Amino acid sequence: MTPIELRKKGYQILVEHLGQVDAIRFLQQAGWGSGDYTQERKETLDKVTREEFWEDLKRIRKTSC
């Protein structure tokens, strides 16, 4: 599923279960976050070794199958 398809499906589910008005209210409350995502991501990923990354990836792939 592409990111656009995922977003569309998510919106559809929200509207089906909450109705249009409450789905919009929910999205407004969720917000878009704040801060500098790029800097925060760099600081977080700088602490991860290549080996840790690959082990996490292997673990995720095992649980998603």
C-alpha atoms as a PDB file:
ATOM      1  CA  MET A   1       0.000   0.000   0.000  1.00  0.00           C
ATOM      2  CA  THR A   2       1.405   3.374  -0.960  1.00  0.00           C
ATOM      3  CA  PRO A   3       1.505   6.263   1.527  1.00  0.00           C
ATOM      4  CA  ILE A   4      -1.297   8.006  -0.392  1.00  0.00           C
ATOM      5  CA  GLU A   5      -3.455   4.865  -0.332  1.00  0.00           C
ATOM      6  CA  LEU A   6      -2.784   4.439   3.383  1.00  0.00           C
ATOM      7  CA  ARG A   7      -3.778   8.033   4.122  1.00  0.00           C
ATOM      8  CA  LYS A   8      -6.950   7.717   2.025  1.00  0.00           C
ATOM      9  CA  LYS A   9      -7.938   4.479   3.759  1.00  0.00           C
ATOM     10  CA  GLY A  10      -7.241   6.039   7.164  1.00  0.00           C
ATOM     11  CA  TYR A  11      -9.468   9.013   6.376  1.00  0.00           C
ATOM     12  CA  GLN A  12     -12.226   6.697   5.165  1.00  0.00           C
ATOM     13  CA  ILE A  13     -12.090   4.644   8.361  1.00  0.00           C
ATOM     14  CA  LEU A  14     -12.142   7.761  10.540  1.00  0.00           C
ATOM     15  CA  VAL A  15     -15.183   9.142   8.724  1.00  0.00           C
ATOM     16  CA  GLU A  16     -16.990   5.779   8.797  1.00  0.00           C
ATOM     17  CA  HIS A  17     -16.478   5.364  12.536  1.00  0.00           C
ATOM     18  CA  LEU A  18     -16.573   8.953  13.767  1.00  0.00           C
ATOM     19  CA  GLY A  19     -18.586  10.785  11.139  1.00  0.00           C
ATOM     20  CA  GLN A  20     -17.290  13.726   9.150  1.00  0.00           C
ATOM     21  CA  VAL A  21     -17.415  16.331  11.909  1.00  0.00           C
ATOM     22  CA  ASP A  22     -15.715  14.235  14.594  1.00  0.00           C
ATOM     23  CA  ALA A  23     -13.137  12.914  12.104  1.00  0.00           C
ATOM     24  CA  ILE A  24     -12.163  16.518  11.334  1.00  0.00           C
ATOM     25  CA  ARG A  25     -12.076  17.367  15.036  1.00  0.00           C
ATOM     26  CA  PHE A  26      -9.820  14.371  15.682  1.00  0.00           C
ATOM     27  CA  LEU A  27      -7.412  15.375  12.904  1.00  0.00           C
ATOM     28  CA  GLN A  28      -7.280  18.930  14.223  1.00  0.00           C
ATOM     29  CA  GLN A  29      -6.416  17.673  17.714  1.00  0.00           C
ATOM     30  CA  ALA A  30      -3.744  15.312  16.397  1.00  0.00           C
ATOM     31  CA  GLY A  31      -1.875  18.267  14.930  1.00  0.00           C
ATOM     32  CA  TRP A  32       1.296  18.100  12.926  1.00  0.00           C
ATOM     33  CA  GLY A  33       3.785  18.178  15.760  1.00  0.00           C
ATOM     34  CA  SER A  34       6.408  20.743  16.497  1.00  0.00           C
ATOM     35  CA  GLY A  35      10.141  21.106  16.633  1.00  0.00           C
ATOM     36  CA  ASP A  36      12.864  20.336  14.149  1.00  0.00           C
ATOM     37  CA  TYR A  37      12.188  16.800  12.923  1.00  0.00           C
ATOM     38  CA  THR A  38      15.403  16.652  10.887  1.00  0.00           C
ATOM     39  CA  GLN A  39      17.610  17.626  13.810  1.00  0.00           C
ATOM     40  CA  GLU A  40      15.787  15.302  16.247  1.00  0.00           C
ATOM     41  CA  ARG A  41      16.068  12.402  13.800  1.00  0.00           C
ATOM     42  CA  LYS A  42      19.792  13.033  13.286  1.00  0.00           C
ATOM     43  CA  GLU A  43      20.404  13.134  17.046  1.00  0.00           C
ATOM     44  CA  THR A  44      18.452   9.908  17.548  1.00  0.00           C
ATOM     45  CA  LEU A  45      20.018   8.010  14.662  1.00  0.00           C
ATOM     46  CA  ASP A  46      23.559   9.129  15.523  1.00  0.00           C
ATOM     47  CA  LYS A  47      23.265   6.906  18.612  1.00  0.00           C
ATOM     48  CA  VAL A  48      22.345   3.780  16.614  1.00  0.00           C
ATOM     49  CA  THR A  49      25.089   1.540  15.315  1.00  0.00           C
ATOM     50  CA  ARG A  50      24.848  -0.164  11.949  1.00  0.00           C
ATOM     51  CA  GLU A  51      24.656  -3.532  13.706  1.00  0.00           C
ATOM     52  CA  GLU A  52      21.750  -2.356  15.902  1.00  0.00           C
ATOM     53  CA  PHE A  53      19.949  -1.075  12.826  1.00  0.00           C
ATOM     54  CA  TRP A  54      20.235  -4.411  11.008  1.00  0.00           C
ATOM     55  CA  GLU A  55      19.180  -6.393  14.084  1.00  0.00           C
ATOM     56  CA  ASP A  56      16.099  -4.193  14.497  1.00  0.00           C
ATOM     57  CA  LEU A  57      15.272  -4.602  10.820  1.00  0.00           C
ATOM     58  CA  LYS A  58      15.552  -8.403  11.072  1.00  0.00           C
ATOM     59  CA  ARG A  59      13.318  -8.388  14.175  1.00  0.00           C
ATOM     60  CA  ILE A  60      10.689  -6.230  12.475  1.00  0.00           C
ATOM     61  CA  ARG A  61      10.654  -8.409   9.382  1.00  0.00           C
ATOM     62  CA  LYS A  62      10.159 -11.541  11.510  1.00  0.00           C
ATOM     63  CA  THR A  63       7.168 -10.062  13.349  1.00  0.00           C
ATOM     64  CA  SER A  64       5.482  -8.724  10.186  1.00  0.00           C
ATOM     65  CA  CYS A  65       5.442 -12.080   8.356  1.00  0.00           C
END
